[in-house]
Amino acid sequence: MFAHMLVLGLAMTAMEPVFSQPALAQSQTTPASETKPIKMVVLGDSLSAGLGLPAPAAFPARLQKALKAKGIEVDMINAGVSGDTASGGRDRLDWSIPEGTQAVIVELGANDALRGTNPDVPRAALTDIVTRLKARKIAVLVCGMLAPPNYGSEYAARFNSIYPDLSKSLGVPLYPFFLEGVATDPKLNQADGLHPTAEGVDVIVKNILPSVEAFLGTISGQHS
């Protein structure tokens, strides 16, 4: 059903050799070789879990590969659960985000919009998620979602405002629409019209990559 909703109206990135001073040579080790990978989690639903795709084609794996090509090493965990709502993500937050995690991309809310859930419910859940992650000193990037048009403009306005409001009130970066460039394009979606193909995932990664680079650049030891 969500496929039809989307189609109806969603508008939618040569060191010189040192021969006589081995101690000096050791000190000239490049910083990149000493930088530990960032421990990162994508907390989401089927859109990030990679429903219908092999694991290497899912969003977290493709993002990890794209970051590596930019010289940014990430230890990535795919914590996407198909069918999850924002409240579901909140309920499993503690065990989904292990100790030592430094960065989390939150991609939740599409299923709340699908079901026409009162926007106050995902707003409260997402606020709790971000607040609890920040309390753990974990950096957070929030990915926005847009409501389908069939619930009306008033519902859409209330739902769509969740993400920019959250970003502003809690001081976390926002990527406005996770499916930017992919939603409603049949060539980039699976037969259900909702879940991106491998090519669609690559479009999502390409579009979001600059935002993720900037986000990770704020974490000590990494540079975008």
N, C-alpha and C. Protein backbone atom coordinates (compact mmCIF):
# COMPACT_ATOMS: atom_id res chain seq x y z
N MET A 1 0.82 -1.19 0.00
CA MET A 1 0.00 0.00 0.00
C MET A 1 0.86 1.25 0.00
N PHE A 2 1.97 1.22 0.72
CA PHE A 2 2.86 2.37 0.79
C PHE A 2 3.39 2.74 -0.58
N ALA A 3 3.55 1.71 -1.44
CA ALA A 3 4.03 1.99 -2.79
C ALA A 3 3.08 2.95 -3.47
N HIS A 4 1.78 2.68 -3.34
CA HIS A 4 0.81 3.52 -4.00
C HIS A 4 0.78 4.90 -3.37
N MET A 5 0.96 4.96 -2.05
CA MET A 5 0.98 6.26 -1.39
C MET A 5 2.11 7.12 -1.92
N LEU A 6 3.27 6.50 -2.06
CA LEU A 6 4.42 7.24 -2.54
C LEU A 6 4.18 7.75 -3.95
N VAL A 7 3.67 6.86 -4.81
CA VAL A 7 3.46 7.24 -6.20
C VAL A 7 2.43 8.35 -6.29
N LEU A 8 1.48 8.40 -5.34
CA LEU A 8 0.43 9.40 -5.39
C LEU A 8 0.96 10.81 -5.15
N GLY A 9 2.11 10.97 -4.51
CA GLY A 9 2.47 12.36 -4.32
C GLY A 9 3.66 12.69 -3.46
N LEU A 10 4.50 11.76 -3.06
CA LEU A 10 5.70 12.13 -2.31
C LEU A 10 6.67 12.88 -3.24
N ALA A 11 7.03 14.08 -2.86
CA ALA A 11 8.00 14.81 -3.66
C ALA A 11 9.36 14.57 -3.06
N MET A 12 9.25 14.10 -3.90
CA MET A 12 10.38 13.79 -3.32
C MET A 12 10.95 13.49 -4.73
N THR A 13 23.24 12.45 -2.25
CA THR A 13 24.84 11.97 -2.40
C THR A 13 26.22 11.19 -2.59
N ALA A 14 56.48 10.30 -1.68
CA ALA A 14 57.06 9.08 -1.26
C ALA A 14 57.92 9.54 -0.12
N MET A 15 57.28 9.05 1.05
CA MET A 15 58.17 9.45 2.13
C MET A 15 59.61 8.98 1.83
N GLU A 16 60.61 9.90 2.02
CA GLU A 16 61.99 9.48 1.76
C GLU A 16 62.39 8.44 2.79
N PRO A 17 63.15 7.39 2.38
CA PRO A 17 63.55 6.37 3.33
C PRO A 17 64.55 6.93 4.34
N VAL A 18 64.39 6.53 5.57
CA VAL A 18 65.32 6.93 6.63
C VAL A 18 66.13 5.71 7.00
N PHE A 19 67.44 5.79 6.76
CA PHE A 19 68.27 4.60 6.93
C PHE A 19 68.97 4.57 8.27
N SER A 20 69.31 5.74 8.80
CA SER A 20 70.16 5.75 9.98
C SER A 20 69.42 6.05 11.27
N GLN A 21 68.10 6.38 11.16
CA GLN A 21 67.37 6.74 12.37
C GLN A 21 66.04 5.98 12.41
N PRO A 22 66.08 4.70 12.76
CA PRO A 22 64.85 3.91 12.78
C PRO A 22 63.79 4.48 13.70
N ALA A 23 64.20 5.10 14.81
CA ALA A 23 63.22 5.68 15.72
C ALA A 23 62.46 6.80 15.04
N LEU A 24 63.18 7.61 14.25
CA LEU A 24 62.54 8.70 13.52
C LEU A 24 61.60 8.14 12.47
N ALA A 25 62.02 7.10 11.80
CA ALA A 25 61.17 6.49 10.78
C ALA A 25 59.87 6.01 11.40
N GLN A 26 59.95 5.46 12.59
CA GLN A 26 58.74 4.98 13.25
C GLN A 26 57.84 6.15 13.61
N SER A 27 58.43 7.29 13.97
CA SER A 27 57.62 8.43 14.37
C SER A 27 56.91 9.06 13.19
N GLN A 28 57.35 8.72 11.96
CA GLN A 28 56.76 9.32 10.79
C GLN A 28 55.59 8.50 10.24
N THR A 29 55.15 7.53 11.03
CA THR A 29 53.98 6.76 10.61
C THR A 29 52.82 7.70 10.33
N THR A 30 52.11 7.47 9.25
CA THR A 30 51.03 8.38 8.88
C THR A 30 49.91 8.32 9.90
N PRO A 31 49.26 9.47 10.18
CA PRO A 31 48.18 9.48 11.16
C PRO A 31 47.05 8.51 10.81
N ALA A 32 46.80 8.33 9.51
CA ALA A 32 45.70 7.45 9.11
C ALA A 32 45.89 6.04 9.63
N SER A 33 47.16 5.58 9.65
CA SER A 33 47.41 4.22 10.10
C SER A 33 47.21 4.07 11.59
N GLU A 34 47.17 5.20 12.32
CA GLU A 34 47.02 5.16 13.77
C GLU A 34 45.57 5.44 14.18
N THR A 35 44.75 5.84 13.25
CA THR A 35 43.38 6.20 13.56
C THR A 35 42.50 4.95 13.59
N LYS A 36 41.82 4.78 14.71
CA LYS A 36 40.93 3.62 14.83
C LYS A 36 39.63 3.89 14.08
N PRO A 37 39.03 2.86 13.50
CA PRO A 37 37.74 3.05 12.83
C PRO A 37 36.68 3.57 13.79
N ILE A 38 35.80 4.39 13.27
CA ILE A 38 34.67 4.87 14.06
C ILE A 38 33.66 3.74 14.20
N LYS A 39 33.19 3.53 15.42
CA LYS A 39 32.17 2.51 15.68
C LYS A 39 30.80 3.15 15.46
N MET A 40 30.11 2.64 14.45
CA MET A 40 28.90 3.29 13.98
C MET A 40 27.75 2.30 13.83
N VAL A 41 26.53 2.77 14.11
CA VAL A 41 25.33 1.94 14.00
C VAL A 41 24.29 2.70 13.18
N VAL A 42 23.61 1.98 12.29
CA VAL A 42 22.43 2.53 11.61
C VAL A 42 21.21 1.90 12.27
N LEU A 43 20.45 2.72 12.98
CA LEU A 43 19.26 2.26 13.69
C LEU A 43 18.05 2.60 12.82
N GLY A 44 17.41 1.58 12.25
CA GLY A 44 16.35 1.88 11.30
C GLY A 44 15.35 0.77 11.12
N ASP A 45 14.60 0.90 10.02
CA ASP A 45 13.58 -0.09 9.66
C ASP A 45 14.02 -0.82 8.40
N SER A 46 13.07 -1.31 7.61
CA SER A 46 13.43 -2.11 6.43
C SER A 46 14.20 -1.32 5.38
N LEU A 47 14.03 0.00 5.36
CA LEU A 47 14.71 0.82 4.35
C LEU A 47 16.23 0.77 4.53
N SER A 48 16.66 0.73 5.78
CA SER A 48 18.10 0.61 6.02
C SER A 48 18.51 -0.84 6.25
N ALA A 49 17.57 -1.68 6.68
CA ALA A 49 17.91 -3.09 6.90
C ALA A 49 18.28 -3.79 5.60
N GLY A 50 17.68 -3.32 4.50
CA GLY A 50 17.98 -3.94 3.20
C GLY A 50 17.02 -5.03 2.83
N LEU A 51 15.74 -4.86 3.16
CA LEU A 51 14.74 -5.87 2.83
C LEU A 51 14.78 -6.17 1.33
N GLY A 52 14.86 -7.46 0.99
CA GLY A 52 14.85 -7.88 -0.39
C GLY A 52 16.20 -7.82 -1.09
N LEU A 53 17.24 -7.46 -0.34
CA LEU A 53 18.57 -7.33 -0.91
C LEU A 53 19.55 -8.22 -0.17
N PRO A 54 20.63 -8.66 -0.83
CA PRO A 54 21.70 -9.34 -0.11
C PRO A 54 22.37 -8.37 0.86
N ALA A 55 22.90 -8.88 1.94
CA ALA A 55 23.47 -8.03 2.98
C ALA A 55 24.48 -7.00 2.45
N PRO A 56 25.37 -7.38 1.52
CA PRO A 56 26.34 -6.39 1.04
C PRO A 56 25.73 -5.23 0.26
N ALA A 57 24.47 -5.36 -0.15
CA ALA A 57 23.81 -4.30 -0.91
C ALA A 57 22.96 -3.39 -0.03
N ALA A 58 22.84 -3.71 1.26
CA ALA A 58 22.04 -2.89 2.17
C ALA A 58 22.72 -1.55 2.42
N PHE A 59 21.94 -0.58 2.83
CA PHE A 59 22.45 0.78 3.03
C PHE A 59 23.68 0.86 3.93
N PRO A 60 23.69 0.23 5.12
CA PRO A 60 24.88 0.37 5.97
C PRO A 60 26.16 -0.14 5.32
N ALA A 61 26.07 -1.28 4.63
CA ALA A 61 27.26 -1.84 3.98
C ALA A 61 27.74 -0.96 2.84
N ARG A 62 26.80 -0.45 2.05
CA ARG A 62 27.18 0.41 0.92
C ARG A 62 27.74 1.75 1.42
N LEU A 63 27.17 2.26 2.50
CA LEU A 63 27.70 3.50 3.08
C LEU A 63 29.11 3.29 3.62
N GLN A 64 29.32 2.17 4.29
CA GLN A 64 30.65 1.85 4.81
C GLN A 64 31.67 1.81 3.68
N LYS A 65 31.30 1.19 2.57
CA LYS A 65 32.22 1.10 1.43
C LYS A 65 32.50 2.48 0.85
N ALA A 66 31.47 3.32 0.74
CA ALA A 66 31.66 4.66 0.20
C ALA A 66 32.54 5.51 1.10
N LEU A 67 32.37 5.36 2.41
CA LEU A 67 33.21 6.10 3.34
C LEU A 67 34.66 5.64 3.26
N LYS A 68 34.86 4.35 3.12
CA LYS A 68 36.22 3.81 3.00
C LYS A 68 36.91 4.40 1.77
N ALA A 69 36.17 4.56 0.69
CA ALA A 69 36.75 5.14 -0.52
C ALA A 69 37.16 6.59 -0.30
N LYS A 70 36.56 7.23 0.71
CA LYS A 70 36.92 8.60 1.07
C LYS A 70 37.99 8.66 2.14
N GLY A 71 38.49 7.49 2.54
CA GLY A 71 39.53 7.44 3.55
C GLY A 71 39.01 7.47 4.97
N ILE A 72 37.71 7.20 5.15
CA ILE A 72 37.09 7.20 6.48
C ILE A 72 36.74 5.77 6.84
N GLU A 73 37.42 5.24 7.83
CA GLU A 73 37.21 3.85 8.24
C GLU A 73 36.12 3.78 9.30
N VAL A 74 35.15 2.88 9.07
CA VAL A 74 34.02 2.73 9.98
C VAL A 74 33.78 1.26 10.28
N ASP A 75 33.61 0.93 11.55
CA ASP A 75 33.10 -0.38 11.94
C ASP A 75 31.58 -0.26 12.02
N MET A 76 30.88 -0.86 11.07
CA MET A 76 29.46 -0.60 10.89
C MET A 76 28.59 -1.75 11.41
N ILE A 77 27.52 -1.40 12.11
CA ILE A 77 26.50 -2.36 12.52
C ILE A 77 25.18 -1.97 11.88
N ASN A 78 24.55 -2.92 11.21
CA ASN A 78 23.23 -2.71 10.63
C ASN A 78 22.20 -3.11 11.67
N ALA A 79 21.60 -2.11 12.32
CA ALA A 79 20.56 -2.36 13.32
C ALA A 79 19.20 -1.98 12.76
N GLY A 80 18.98 -2.32 11.49
CA GLY A 80 17.68 -2.11 10.88
C GLY A 80 16.79 -3.32 11.11
N VAL A 81 15.53 -3.08 11.44
CA VAL A 81 14.56 -4.16 11.67
C VAL A 81 13.31 -3.86 10.84
N SER A 82 13.00 -4.76 9.93
CA SER A 82 11.86 -4.54 9.05
C SER A 82 10.56 -4.41 9.84
N GLY A 83 9.77 -3.42 9.49
CA GLY A 83 8.50 -3.19 10.16
C GLY A 83 8.58 -2.36 11.41
N ASP A 84 9.80 -1.97 11.80
CA ASP A 84 9.96 -1.25 13.05
C ASP A 84 9.40 0.16 12.95
N THR A 85 8.79 0.60 14.03
CA THR A 85 8.34 1.98 14.19
C THR A 85 9.37 2.74 15.02
N ALA A 86 9.15 4.04 15.17
CA ALA A 86 10.03 4.82 16.03
C ALA A 86 9.97 4.29 17.47
N SER A 87 8.78 3.91 17.91
CA SER A 87 8.65 3.37 19.27
C SER A 87 9.37 2.04 19.40
N GLY A 88 9.32 1.22 18.35
CA GLY A 88 10.05 -0.05 18.38
C GLY A 88 11.54 0.17 18.47
N GLY A 89 12.04 1.15 17.74
CA GLY A 89 13.46 1.48 17.82
C GLY A 89 13.85 1.93 19.20
N ARG A 90 12.99 2.72 19.81
CA ARG A 90 13.27 3.17 21.19
C ARG A 90 13.29 1.98 22.15
N ASP A 91 12.36 1.06 21.98
CA ASP A 91 12.27 -0.05 22.92
C ASP A 91 13.48 -0.97 22.87
N ARG A 92 14.15 -1.04 21.71
CA ARG A 92 15.32 -1.92 21.59
C ARG A 92 16.63 -1.13 21.58
N LEU A 93 16.56 0.12 21.95
CA LEU A 93 17.73 1.00 21.81
C LEU A 93 18.96 0.48 22.55
N ASP A 94 18.78 0.09 23.80
CA ASP A 94 19.95 -0.26 24.62
C ASP A 94 20.72 -1.45 24.05
N TRP A 95 20.00 -2.47 23.58
CA TRP A 95 20.73 -3.63 23.06
C TRP A 95 21.09 -3.48 21.60
N SER A 96 20.50 -2.53 20.91
CA SER A 96 20.86 -2.31 19.51
C SER A 96 22.11 -1.46 19.36
N ILE A 97 22.38 -0.63 20.37
CA ILE A 97 23.53 0.28 20.33
C ILE A 97 24.52 -0.15 21.40
N PRO A 98 25.53 -0.94 21.04
CA PRO A 98 26.44 -1.48 22.05
C PRO A 98 27.34 -0.42 22.65
N GLU A 99 27.90 -0.75 23.80
CA GLU A 99 28.87 0.14 24.44
C GLU A 99 30.04 0.37 23.50
N GLY A 100 30.55 1.58 23.49
CA GLY A 100 31.67 1.91 22.62
C GLY A 100 31.24 2.52 21.30
N THR A 101 29.92 2.51 21.00
CA THR A 101 29.44 3.14 19.79
C THR A 101 29.72 4.64 19.84
N GLN A 102 30.21 5.18 18.73
CA GLN A 102 30.53 6.61 18.67
C GLN A 102 29.54 7.42 17.85
N ALA A 103 28.88 6.77 16.90
CA ALA A 103 27.99 7.49 15.99
C ALA A 103 26.79 6.62 15.63
N VAL A 104 25.62 7.25 15.56
CA VAL A 104 24.40 6.54 15.18
C VAL A 104 23.65 7.36 14.13
N ILE A 105 23.26 6.69 13.05
CA ILE A 105 22.32 7.27 12.09
C ILE A 105 20.95 6.70 12.43
N VAL A 106 20.00 7.58 12.71
CA VAL A 106 18.64 7.17 13.06
C VAL A 106 17.75 7.32 11.83
N GLU A 107 17.21 6.20 11.35
CA GLU A 107 16.33 6.18 10.18
C GLU A 107 15.06 5.45 10.58
N LEU A 108 14.12 6.19 11.16
CA LEU A 108 12.88 5.61 11.66
C LEU A 108 11.71 6.57 11.41
N GLY A 109 10.53 6.01 11.32
CA GLY A 109 9.33 6.83 11.19
C GLY A 109 8.48 6.49 9.99
N ALA A 110 9.05 5.83 8.98
CA ALA A 110 8.28 5.52 7.77
C ALA A 110 7.06 4.67 8.09
N ASN A 111 7.21 3.70 8.98
CA ASN A 111 6.09 2.82 9.30
C ASN A 111 5.03 3.53 10.14
N ASP A 112 5.45 4.51 10.94
CA ASP A 112 4.48 5.33 11.66
C ASP A 112 3.62 6.10 10.67
N ALA A 113 4.26 6.69 9.66
CA ALA A 113 3.53 7.45 8.65
C ALA A 113 2.60 6.54 7.85
N LEU A 114 3.09 5.36 7.53
CA LEU A 114 2.29 4.38 6.79
C LEU A 114 0.98 4.08 7.50
N ARG A 115 1.05 3.95 8.80
CA ARG A 115 -0.10 3.54 9.60
C ARG A 115 -0.96 4.72 10.03
N GLY A 116 -0.52 5.92 9.71
CA GLY A 116 -1.27 7.10 10.14
C GLY A 116 -1.23 7.30 11.64
N THR A 117 -0.16 6.85 12.27
CA THR A 117 0.00 7.01 13.71
C THR A 117 0.01 8.49 14.09
N ASN A 118 -0.62 8.80 15.20
CA ASN A 118 -0.58 10.17 15.71
C ASN A 118 0.87 10.64 15.75
N PRO A 119 1.21 11.74 15.06
CA PRO A 119 2.61 12.18 14.99
C PRO A 119 3.24 12.43 16.36
N ASP A 120 2.41 12.66 17.37
CA ASP A 120 2.97 12.87 18.71
C ASP A 120 3.71 11.63 19.20
N VAL A 121 3.29 10.44 18.72
CA VAL A 121 3.90 9.19 19.18
C VAL A 121 5.33 9.03 18.64
N PRO A 122 5.54 9.09 17.30
CA PRO A 122 6.93 9.01 16.84
C PRO A 122 7.77 10.20 17.28
N ARG A 123 7.15 11.37 17.43
CA ARG A 123 7.91 12.53 17.91
C ARG A 123 8.50 12.25 19.30
N ALA A 124 7.66 11.71 20.18
CA ALA A 124 8.13 11.40 21.54
C ALA A 124 9.20 10.31 21.52
N ALA A 125 8.98 9.29 20.69
CA ALA A 125 9.94 8.17 20.63
C ALA A 125 11.28 8.63 20.07
N LEU A 126 11.26 9.40 18.99
CA LEU A 126 12.51 9.87 18.40
C LEU A 126 13.24 10.84 19.34
N THR A 127 12.47 11.66 20.04
CA THR A 127 13.08 12.57 21.02
C THR A 127 13.79 11.77 22.11
N ASP A 128 13.14 10.71 22.56
CA ASP A 128 13.74 9.87 23.61
C ASP A 128 15.00 9.18 23.10
N ILE A 129 14.95 8.68 21.86
CA ILE A 129 16.11 8.01 21.27
C ILE A 129 17.31 8.95 21.22
N VAL A 130 17.10 10.13 20.67
CA VAL A 130 18.20 11.08 20.53
C VAL A 130 18.72 11.53 21.89
N THR A 131 17.81 11.80 22.81
CA THR A 131 18.20 12.25 24.14
C THR A 131 19.04 11.20 24.85
N ARG A 132 18.62 9.96 24.75
CA ARG A 132 19.37 8.88 25.43
C ARG A 132 20.72 8.63 24.77
N LEU A 133 20.80 8.74 23.46
CA LEU A 133 22.09 8.58 22.79
C LEU A 133 23.04 9.71 23.15
N LYS A 134 22.52 10.93 23.18
CA LYS A 134 23.36 12.05 23.55
C LYS A 134 23.86 11.93 24.99
N ALA A 135 23.02 11.39 25.87
CA ALA A 135 23.42 11.19 27.26
C ALA A 135 24.57 10.20 27.36
N ARG A 136 24.67 9.31 26.35
CA ARG A 136 25.76 8.35 26.30
C ARG A 136 26.97 8.89 25.52
N LYS A 137 26.92 10.17 25.19
CA LYS A 137 28.01 10.83 24.45
C LYS A 137 28.20 10.23 23.06
N ILE A 138 27.10 9.82 22.45
CA ILE A 138 27.12 9.27 21.09
C ILE A 138 26.60 10.33 20.12
N ALA A 139 27.34 10.56 19.05
CA ALA A 139 26.91 11.52 18.04
C ALA A 139 25.74 10.93 17.24
N VAL A 140 24.79 11.79 16.88
CA VAL A 140 23.56 11.33 16.22
C VAL A 140 23.31 12.14 14.95
N LEU A 141 23.00 11.43 13.87
CA LEU A 141 22.50 12.04 12.64
C LEU A 141 21.09 11.51 12.41
N VAL A 142 20.12 12.41 12.31
CA VAL A 142 18.73 12.02 12.12
C VAL A 142 18.38 12.10 10.64
N CYS A 143 17.74 11.05 10.13
CA CYS A 143 17.26 11.03 8.75
C CYS A 143 15.75 11.27 8.76
N GLY A 144 15.32 12.27 8.03
CA GLY A 144 13.90 12.60 7.99
C GLY A 144 13.11 11.68 7.08
N MET A 145 11.81 11.66 7.29
CA MET A 145 10.87 10.93 6.45
C MET A 145 9.69 11.85 6.18
N LEU A 146 9.02 11.65 5.05
CA LEU A 146 7.85 12.44 4.69
C LEU A 146 6.60 11.57 4.69
N ALA A 147 5.52 12.13 5.18
CA ALA A 147 4.26 11.39 5.24
C ALA A 147 3.66 11.24 3.85
N PRO A 148 3.01 10.11 3.57
CA PRO A 148 2.28 9.97 2.31
C PRO A 148 1.09 10.91 2.30
N PRO A 149 0.60 11.26 1.11
CA PRO A 149 -0.41 12.31 1.02
C PRO A 149 -1.83 11.90 1.40
N ASN A 150 -2.08 10.61 1.54
CA ASN A 150 -3.47 10.17 1.69
C ASN A 150 -4.09 10.52 3.04
N TYR A 151 -3.26 10.91 4.04
CA TYR A 151 -3.82 11.31 5.33
C TYR A 151 -4.12 12.80 5.40
N GLY A 152 -3.83 13.51 4.32
CA GLY A 152 -4.18 14.92 4.27
C GLY A 152 -3.02 15.84 4.64
N SER A 153 -3.19 17.09 4.30
CA SER A 153 -2.11 18.07 4.48
C SER A 153 -1.84 18.39 5.95
N GLU A 154 -2.89 18.36 6.76
CA GLU A 154 -2.69 18.65 8.19
C GLU A 154 -1.83 17.58 8.84
N TYR A 155 -2.16 16.32 8.55
CA TYR A 155 -1.35 15.23 9.10
C TYR A 155 0.09 15.32 8.59
N ALA A 156 0.23 15.56 7.28
CA ALA A 156 1.58 15.63 6.71
C ALA A 156 2.39 16.75 7.35
N ALA A 157 1.77 17.89 7.59
CA ALA A 157 2.49 19.00 8.20
C ALA A 157 2.94 18.65 9.61
N ARG A 158 2.08 17.99 10.36
CA ARG A 158 2.45 17.59 11.73
C ARG A 158 3.55 16.55 11.72
N PHE A 159 3.42 15.57 10.83
CA PHE A 159 4.43 14.51 10.79
C PHE A 159 5.76 15.02 10.27
N ASN A 160 5.72 15.73 9.15
CA ASN A 160 6.97 16.16 8.51
C ASN A 160 7.78 17.11 9.38
N SER A 161 7.12 17.82 10.27
CA SER A 161 7.82 18.77 11.13
C SER A 161 8.60 18.11 12.26
N ILE A 162 8.34 16.81 12.48
CA ILE A 162 9.02 16.12 13.58
C ILE A 162 10.54 16.25 13.47
N TYR A 163 11.06 15.99 12.30
CA TYR A 163 12.51 15.86 12.12
C TYR A 163 13.26 17.19 12.21
N PRO A 164 12.81 18.24 11.49
CA PRO A 164 13.50 19.52 11.67
C PRO A 164 13.36 20.07 13.09
N ASP A 165 12.19 19.85 13.72
CA ASP A 165 12.02 20.30 15.10
C ASP A 165 12.99 19.59 16.03
N LEU A 166 13.13 18.28 15.82
CA LEU A 166 14.03 17.48 16.64
C LEU A 166 15.47 17.94 16.47
N SER A 167 15.86 18.17 15.23
CA SER A 167 17.22 18.63 14.95
C SER A 167 17.50 19.95 15.64
N LYS A 168 16.54 20.86 15.57
CA LYS A 168 16.73 22.19 16.16
C LYS A 168 16.73 22.15 17.68
N SER A 169 15.78 21.44 18.25
CA SER A 169 15.63 21.46 19.71
C SER A 169 16.73 20.69 20.42
N LEU A 170 17.24 19.62 19.79
CA LEU A 170 18.25 18.79 20.45
C LEU A 170 19.65 19.00 19.87
N GLY A 171 19.77 19.85 18.87
CA GLY A 171 21.10 20.20 18.35
C GLY A 171 21.81 19.05 17.67
N VAL A 172 21.07 18.30 16.83
CA VAL A 172 21.70 17.21 16.08
C VAL A 172 21.51 17.47 14.59
N PRO A 173 22.44 17.01 13.75
CA PRO A 173 22.31 17.24 12.31
C PRO A 173 21.17 16.42 11.71
N LEU A 174 20.61 16.97 10.63
CA LEU A 174 19.46 16.36 9.97
C LEU A 174 19.75 16.16 8.50
N TYR A 175 19.45 14.95 8.00
CA TYR A 175 19.37 14.72 6.56
C TYR A 175 17.88 14.70 6.25
N PRO A 176 17.35 15.68 5.52
CA PRO A 176 15.91 15.92 5.49
C PRO A 176 15.02 14.76 5.05
N PHE A 177 15.44 14.01 4.02
CA PHE A 177 14.57 12.94 3.51
C PHE A 177 15.43 11.76 3.06
N PHE A 178 15.32 10.66 3.79
CA PHE A 178 16.18 9.51 3.54
C PHE A 178 16.06 8.99 2.11
N LEU A 179 14.86 9.03 1.53
CA LEU A 179 14.62 8.48 0.19
C LEU A 179 14.77 9.50 -0.93
N GLU A 180 15.43 10.61 -0.65
CA GLU A 180 15.63 11.64 -1.66
C GLU A 180 16.26 11.06 -2.92
N GLY A 181 15.63 11.34 -4.06
CA GLY A 181 16.16 10.87 -5.33
C GLY A 181 15.75 9.46 -5.70
N VAL A 182 15.04 8.79 -4.80
CA VAL A 182 14.67 7.39 -5.03
C VAL A 182 13.16 7.18 -4.98
N ALA A 183 12.49 7.83 -4.03
CA ALA A 183 11.04 7.66 -3.88
C ALA A 183 10.33 7.97 -5.19
N THR A 184 9.39 7.13 -5.53
CA THR A 184 8.51 7.23 -6.70
C THR A 184 9.19 6.88 -8.03
N ASP A 185 10.46 6.57 -8.02
CA ASP A 185 11.15 6.20 -9.27
C ASP A 185 11.11 4.68 -9.41
N PRO A 186 10.31 4.14 -10.33
CA PRO A 186 10.18 2.68 -10.44
C PRO A 186 11.48 1.99 -10.80
N LYS A 187 12.40 2.69 -11.45
CA LYS A 187 13.68 2.06 -11.84
C LYS A 187 14.58 1.85 -10.63
N LEU A 188 14.30 2.55 -9.54
CA LEU A 188 15.17 2.48 -8.36
C LEU A 188 14.52 1.79 -7.17
N ASN A 189 13.31 1.23 -7.43
CA ASN A 189 12.60 0.54 -6.36
C ASN A 189 12.25 -0.88 -6.78
N GLN A 190 12.12 -1.74 -5.77
CA GLN A 190 11.72 -3.11 -6.02
C GLN A 190 10.26 -3.15 -6.47
N ALA A 191 9.77 -4.33 -6.74
CA ALA A 191 8.42 -4.48 -7.28
C ALA A 191 7.35 -3.91 -6.36
N ASP A 192 7.63 -3.83 -5.06
CA ASP A 192 6.63 -3.29 -4.13
C ASP A 192 6.53 -1.77 -4.22
N GLY A 193 7.44 -1.15 -4.95
CA GLY A 193 7.38 0.29 -5.12
C GLY A 193 7.88 1.08 -3.94
N LEU A 194 8.28 0.41 -2.89
CA LEU A 194 8.73 1.10 -1.67
C LEU A 194 10.21 0.91 -1.41
N HIS A 195 10.63 -0.35 -1.38
CA HIS A 195 12.01 -0.64 -0.96
C HIS A 195 12.98 -0.48 -2.12
N PRO A 196 14.05 0.25 -1.91
CA PRO A 196 14.99 0.50 -3.00
C PRO A 196 15.70 -0.76 -3.48
N THR A 197 15.99 -0.77 -4.77
CA THR A 197 16.86 -1.80 -5.33
C THR A 197 18.29 -1.50 -4.91
N ALA A 198 19.22 -2.36 -5.32
CA ALA A 198 20.63 -2.10 -5.04
C ALA A 198 21.05 -0.77 -5.66
N GLU A 199 20.55 -0.51 -6.87
CA GLU A 199 20.87 0.76 -7.53
C GLU A 199 20.27 1.93 -6.76
N GLY A 200 19.07 1.71 -6.23
CA GLY A 200 18.44 2.75 -5.43
C GLY A 200 19.22 3.05 -4.16
N VAL A 201 19.71 2.00 -3.53
CA VAL A 201 20.53 2.19 -2.33
C VAL A 201 21.77 3.02 -2.66
N ASP A 202 22.37 2.74 -3.81
CA ASP A 202 23.56 3.50 -4.20
C ASP A 202 23.24 4.98 -4.40
N VAL A 203 22.04 5.28 -4.90
CA VAL A 203 21.63 6.68 -5.04
C VAL A 203 21.47 7.33 -3.66
N ILE A 204 20.85 6.60 -2.74
CA ILE A 204 20.70 7.11 -1.38
C ILE A 204 22.07 7.41 -0.78
N VAL A 205 22.99 6.47 -0.93
CA VAL A 205 24.33 6.63 -0.38
C VAL A 205 25.03 7.84 -1.00
N LYS A 206 24.94 7.96 -2.32
CA LYS A 206 25.58 9.09 -2.99
C LYS A 206 25.04 10.41 -2.48
N ASN A 207 23.72 10.50 -2.29
CA ASN A 207 23.11 11.74 -1.85
C ASN A 207 23.41 12.09 -0.40
N ILE A 208 23.45 11.07 0.45
CA ILE A 208 23.64 11.33 1.88
C ILE A 208 25.12 11.43 2.27
N LEU A 209 26.00 10.96 1.40
CA LEU A 209 27.42 10.86 1.76
C LEU A 209 28.03 12.18 2.24
N PRO A 210 27.80 13.31 1.57
CA PRO A 210 28.39 14.55 2.09
C PRO A 210 27.94 14.88 3.51
N SER A 211 26.68 14.60 3.81
CA SER A 211 26.16 14.86 5.16
C SER A 211 26.81 13.94 6.18
N VAL A 212 27.01 12.68 5.79
CA VAL A 212 27.64 11.73 6.71
C VAL A 212 29.12 12.07 6.91
N GLU A 213 29.80 12.49 5.84
CA GLU A 213 31.20 12.91 5.98
C GLU A 213 31.31 14.06 6.96
N ALA A 214 30.47 15.05 6.81
CA ALA A 214 30.51 16.21 7.72
C ALA A 214 30.20 15.78 9.15
N PHE A 215 29.24 14.90 9.28
CA PHE A 215 28.84 14.38 10.60
C PHE A 215 30.00 13.66 11.28
N LEU A 216 30.64 12.76 10.55
CA LEU A 216 31.75 12.00 11.12
C LEU A 216 32.98 12.88 11.32
N GLY A 217 33.08 13.96 10.56
CA GLY A 217 34.21 14.86 10.72
C GLY A 217 34.21 15.56 12.05
N THR A 218 33.06 15.57 12.73
CA THR A 218 33.00 16.21 14.06
C THR A 218 33.50 15.28 15.16
N ILE A 219 33.72 14.02 14.80
CA ILE A 219 34.20 13.05 15.79
C ILE A 219 35.72 13.06 15.81
N SER A 220 36.28 13.14 16.98
CA SER A 220 37.73 13.26 17.14
C SER A 220 38.47 12.17 16.40
N GLY A 221 39.51 12.60 15.67
CA GLY A 221 40.38 11.64 14.99
C GLY A 221 40.01 11.36 13.57
N GLN A 222 38.87 11.90 13.12
CA GLN A 222 38.44 11.67 11.74
C GLN A 222 38.29 13.00 11.03
N HIS A 223 38.48 12.99 9.74
CA HIS A 223 38.37 14.20 8.96
C HIS A 223 37.52 13.90 7.73
N SER A 224 36.59 14.80 7.43
CA SER A 224 35.73 14.59 6.27
C SER A 224 36.46 14.98 5.00
